[in-house]
Amino acid sequence: MIAHFISQLVESIKATHGAGPWLYFAFFVLGNAALLPASLLSIGAGYVCGFGPGWLVVSLARPAAAALTFSIARRWLGAWARARASRVLWLEAIDRAFERAGMRVVVLVRLSPIISSTISNYLFGLTRINFRLYVLGSALGVLPSTTLYTYAGAGLRKVSELAQLKHVASPAERALFWLGLVATAVAAWLVQRLARRELLQVLANKPEAAP
């Protein structure tokens, strides 16, 4: 159903010819913020714009969508989430770990095939991570998948192939999948390691209760 919806909009944007890249940029940003899958949107960009222009559109649109959703989450829920985390030591330690890890953990999460990039955009907004490092890490981390999906989309003959293509794993896509699994493990290890360090620091600085 989602693939059919995206396919219809993709075909409509392609029919606009010269305005296609600009319209697709706006469609990608708003669609991704509305939880439409970035993979299908990226394939659609390749179909509408071709590989080169489509790659550029997605390379700019994905960080823009990440910045938008991050800002929404931080603006409306960030203070609430940090206030709740401050009451639980291990949550506060994880929050500080994300702040310390910065761009490293963002790049690794962006490479992950099992962590939704759209949902993680909102979740990152609830942490203390620096906004600029977050956007930069997002832009770098999505480059491999952006290249793969826009190249695949550029080879489509008709938009009805979009959903079918998403379910056919090419050798490059399988390689990216395994690379992403490794990145997921590294990200989990990094956050766990830094969170443990932050937790020890929080406990060391916590004043002892009066007898």
Protein backbone atom coordinates (compact mmCIF):
# COMPACT_ATOMS: atom_id res chain seq x y z
CA MET A 1 0.00 0.00 0.00
CA ILE A 2 2.77 2.44 0.92
CA ALA A 3 4.74 1.46 -2.17
CA HIS A 4 1.66 2.04 -4.33
CA PHE A 5 1.12 5.47 -2.77
CA ILE A 6 4.75 6.45 -3.34
CA SER A 7 4.64 5.10 -6.89
CA GLN A 8 1.66 7.29 -7.77
CA LEU A 9 3.31 10.43 -6.41
CA VAL A 10 6.60 9.57 -8.08
CA GLU A 11 4.87 9.23 -11.44
CA SER A 12 3.11 12.56 -10.94
CA ILE A 13 6.37 14.33 -10.10
CA LYS A 14 8.15 12.77 -13.06
CA ALA A 15 5.43 14.16 -15.35
CA THR A 16 6.40 17.71 -14.31
CA HIS A 17 9.75 17.32 -16.13
CA GLY A 18 11.94 20.35 -15.27
CA ALA A 19 10.46 20.90 -11.82
CA GLY A 20 10.94 17.25 -10.88
CA PRO A 21 14.11 17.53 -8.74
CA TRP A 22 12.77 20.49 -6.73
CA LEU A 23 9.39 18.87 -6.17
CA TYR A 24 10.98 15.56 -5.30
CA PHE A 25 13.24 17.22 -2.73
CA ALA A 26 10.18 18.65 -0.96
CA PHE A 27 8.31 15.35 -1.29
CA PHE A 28 11.25 13.42 0.15
CA VAL A 29 11.69 15.71 3.16
CA LEU A 30 8.00 15.80 4.07
CA GLY A 31 7.42 12.15 3.21
CA ASN A 32 10.37 10.93 5.27
CA ALA A 33 9.25 13.10 8.19
CA ALA A 34 5.87 11.37 7.87
CA LEU A 35 7.64 7.99 8.27
CA LEU A 36 7.68 6.96 4.60
CA PRO A 37 10.67 4.62 4.05
CA ALA A 38 13.81 6.38 2.82
CA SER A 39 14.76 3.36 0.69
CA LEU A 40 11.66 3.60 -1.53
CA LEU A 41 11.93 7.38 -1.67
CA SER A 42 15.56 7.09 -2.78
CA ILE A 43 14.69 4.58 -5.51
CA GLY A 44 11.98 6.95 -6.66
CA ALA A 45 14.47 9.80 -6.87
CA GLY A 46 16.66 7.77 -9.20
CA TYR A 47 13.63 6.99 -11.37
CA VAL A 48 12.47 10.62 -11.54
CA CYS A 49 15.79 12.44 -11.87
CA GLY A 50 18.32 9.86 -13.06
CA PHE A 51 21.30 8.65 -11.07
CA GLY A 52 23.41 11.82 -10.80
CA PRO A 53 20.68 14.39 -10.10
CA GLY A 54 18.73 11.84 -8.06
CA TRP A 55 21.78 11.10 -5.90
CA LEU A 56 22.23 14.83 -5.28
CA VAL A 57 18.56 15.31 -4.41
CA VAL A 58 18.59 12.44 -1.90
CA SER A 59 21.99 13.44 -0.47
CA LEU A 60 20.50 16.83 0.39
CA ALA A 61 16.98 15.70 1.25
CA ARG A 62 17.87 12.99 3.74
CA PRO A 63 19.89 15.30 6.03
CA ALA A 64 17.17 17.95 5.64
CA ALA A 65 14.50 15.43 6.68
CA ALA A 66 16.71 14.32 9.57
CA ALA A 67 17.14 17.93 10.70
CA LEU A 68 13.38 18.56 10.50
CA THR A 69 12.33 15.50 12.48
CA PHE A 70 15.16 15.98 14.99
CA SER A 71 14.07 19.58 15.57
CA ILE A 72 10.42 18.59 16.01
CA ALA A 73 11.32 15.98 18.61
CA ARG A 74 13.73 18.25 20.48
CA ARG A 75 11.36 21.23 20.40
CA TRP A 76 8.30 19.40 21.71
CA LEU A 77 9.66 16.43 23.68
CA GLY A 78 13.36 17.04 24.30
CA ALA A 79 13.08 18.81 27.65
CA TRP A 80 10.48 16.30 28.87
CA ALA A 81 12.64 13.33 27.87
CA ARG A 82 15.78 14.73 29.50
CA ALA A 83 13.86 15.52 32.69
CA ARG A 84 12.63 11.92 32.87
CA ALA A 85 16.09 10.54 32.06
CA SER A 86 17.69 12.61 34.81
CA ARG A 87 15.61 10.69 37.37
CA VAL A 88 17.00 7.32 36.29
CA LEU A 89 20.77 6.96 36.51
CA TRP A 90 21.25 4.50 33.64
CA LEU A 91 19.04 6.57 31.32
CA GLU A 92 21.01 9.69 32.16
CA ALA A 93 24.23 7.78 31.50
CA ILE A 94 22.97 6.67 28.05
CA ASP A 95 21.91 10.23 27.25
CA ARG A 96 25.37 11.50 28.14
CA ALA A 97 26.93 8.68 26.13
CA PHE A 98 25.09 9.84 23.00
CA GLU A 99 26.31 13.37 23.65
CA ARG A 100 29.91 12.17 24.04
CA ALA A 101 29.82 9.79 21.07
CA GLY A 102 28.45 12.52 18.82
CA MET A 103 28.85 12.00 15.12
CA ARG A 104 30.40 8.54 15.47
CA VAL A 105 27.25 6.88 16.71
CA VAL A 106 25.07 8.75 14.20
CA VAL A 107 27.11 7.48 11.25
CA LEU A 108 27.00 3.92 12.59
CA VAL A 109 23.24 4.03 13.20
CA ARG A 110 22.68 5.41 9.69
CA LEU A 111 24.51 2.38 8.26
CA SER A 112 22.34 -0.04 10.23
CA PRO A 113 19.81 -2.11 8.23
CA ILE A 114 17.73 -2.93 11.32
CA ILE A 115 17.29 0.55 12.81
CA SER A 116 14.73 2.69 10.99
CA SER A 117 16.44 5.92 9.96
CA THR A 118 13.12 7.78 10.12
CA ILE A 119 12.24 6.69 13.64
CA SER A 120 15.81 7.20 14.82
CA ASN A 121 15.59 10.82 13.63
CA TYR A 122 12.93 11.48 16.23
CA LEU A 123 14.71 9.44 18.91
CA PHE A 124 17.98 11.32 18.42
CA GLY A 125 16.06 14.54 19.02
CA LEU A 126 15.34 13.36 22.56
CA THR A 127 19.04 13.11 23.41
CA ARG A 128 21.69 15.72 24.17
CA ILE A 129 23.58 15.09 20.96
CA ASN A 130 24.80 18.22 19.16
CA PHE A 131 22.50 19.24 16.30
CA ARG A 132 25.24 20.11 13.80
CA LEU A 133 27.17 16.91 14.44
CA TYR A 134 23.93 14.98 14.12
CA VAL A 135 23.10 16.46 10.71
CA LEU A 136 26.67 15.99 9.46
CA GLY A 137 26.77 12.39 10.71
CA SER A 138 23.43 11.73 9.03
CA ALA A 139 24.67 13.14 5.73
CA LEU A 140 27.79 10.95 5.79
CA GLY A 141 26.13 7.79 7.08
CA VAL A 142 23.47 7.60 4.36
CA LEU A 143 25.85 7.97 1.40
CA PRO A 144 26.27 4.21 0.74
CA SER A 145 22.53 3.46 0.75
CA THR A 146 21.77 6.64 -1.18
CA THR A 147 24.17 5.60 -3.93
CA LEU A 148 22.80 2.06 -4.07
CA TYR A 149 19.12 2.96 -4.16
CA THR A 150 19.30 5.91 -6.55
CA TYR A 151 21.41 3.86 -8.96
CA ALA A 152 18.82 1.08 -8.82
CA GLY A 153 15.99 3.56 -9.35
CA ALA A 154 17.70 5.09 -12.36
CA GLY A 155 17.51 1.69 -14.06
CA LEU A 156 13.73 1.37 -13.72
CA ARG A 157 11.73 1.39 -16.94
CA LYS A 158 8.39 2.05 -15.26
CA VAL A 159 7.33 3.12 -11.79
CA SER A 160 5.43 -0.13 -11.14
CA GLU A 161 8.82 -1.82 -10.78
CA LEU A 162 9.65 0.31 -7.75
CA ALA A 163 8.12 -1.97 -5.12
CA GLN A 164 9.35 -5.12 -6.87
CA LEU A 165 12.90 -3.81 -6.96
CA LYS A 166 12.86 -3.14 -3.22
CA HIS A 167 12.32 -6.86 -2.61
CA VAL A 168 15.13 -8.05 -4.90
CA ALA A 169 18.44 -8.01 -3.05
CA SER A 170 21.37 -7.36 -5.34
CA PRO A 171 24.93 -8.39 -4.37
CA ALA A 172 25.67 -4.74 -3.52
CA GLU A 173 22.58 -4.55 -1.32
CA ARG A 174 23.54 -7.76 0.49
CA ALA A 175 27.03 -6.39 1.07
CA LEU A 176 25.55 -3.17 2.43
CA PHE A 177 23.28 -5.22 4.69
CA TRP A 178 26.19 -7.08 6.28
CA LEU A 179 28.21 -3.89 6.59
CA GLY A 180 25.22 -2.36 8.34
CA LEU A 181 24.98 -5.25 10.78
CA VAL A 182 28.61 -4.74 11.73
CA ALA A 183 27.96 -1.01 12.13
CA THR A 184 24.97 -1.80 14.37
CA ALA A 185 27.12 -3.96 16.63
CA VAL A 186 29.84 -1.32 16.79
CA ALA A 187 27.28 1.39 17.62
CA ALA A 188 25.79 -0.73 20.41
CA TRP A 189 29.27 -1.45 21.81
CA LEU A 190 30.25 2.23 21.64
CA VAL A 191 27.11 3.48 23.40
CA GLN A 192 27.34 0.72 26.04
CA ARG A 193 31.01 1.49 26.70
CA LEU A 194 30.45 5.24 27.00
CA ALA A 195 27.27 4.78 29.05
CA ARG A 196 29.14 2.63 31.55
CA ARG A 197 31.81 5.31 31.87
CA GLU A 198 29.18 8.03 32.30
CA LEU A 199 27.28 5.97 34.87
CA LEU A 200 30.41 5.54 36.96
CA GLN A 201 31.00 9.29 36.75
CA VAL A 202 27.41 10.06 37.78
CA LEU A 203 27.69 7.70 40.74
CA ALA A 204 31.02 9.20 41.75
CA ASN A 205 29.60 12.74 41.70
CA LYS A 206 26.34 11.83 43.42
CA PRO A 207 26.31 13.12 47.01
CA GLU A 208 25.96 10.45 49.63
CA ALA A 209 22.65 10.29 51.44
CA ALA A 210 22.66 11.59 55.00
CA PRO A 211 22.52 8.85 57.64
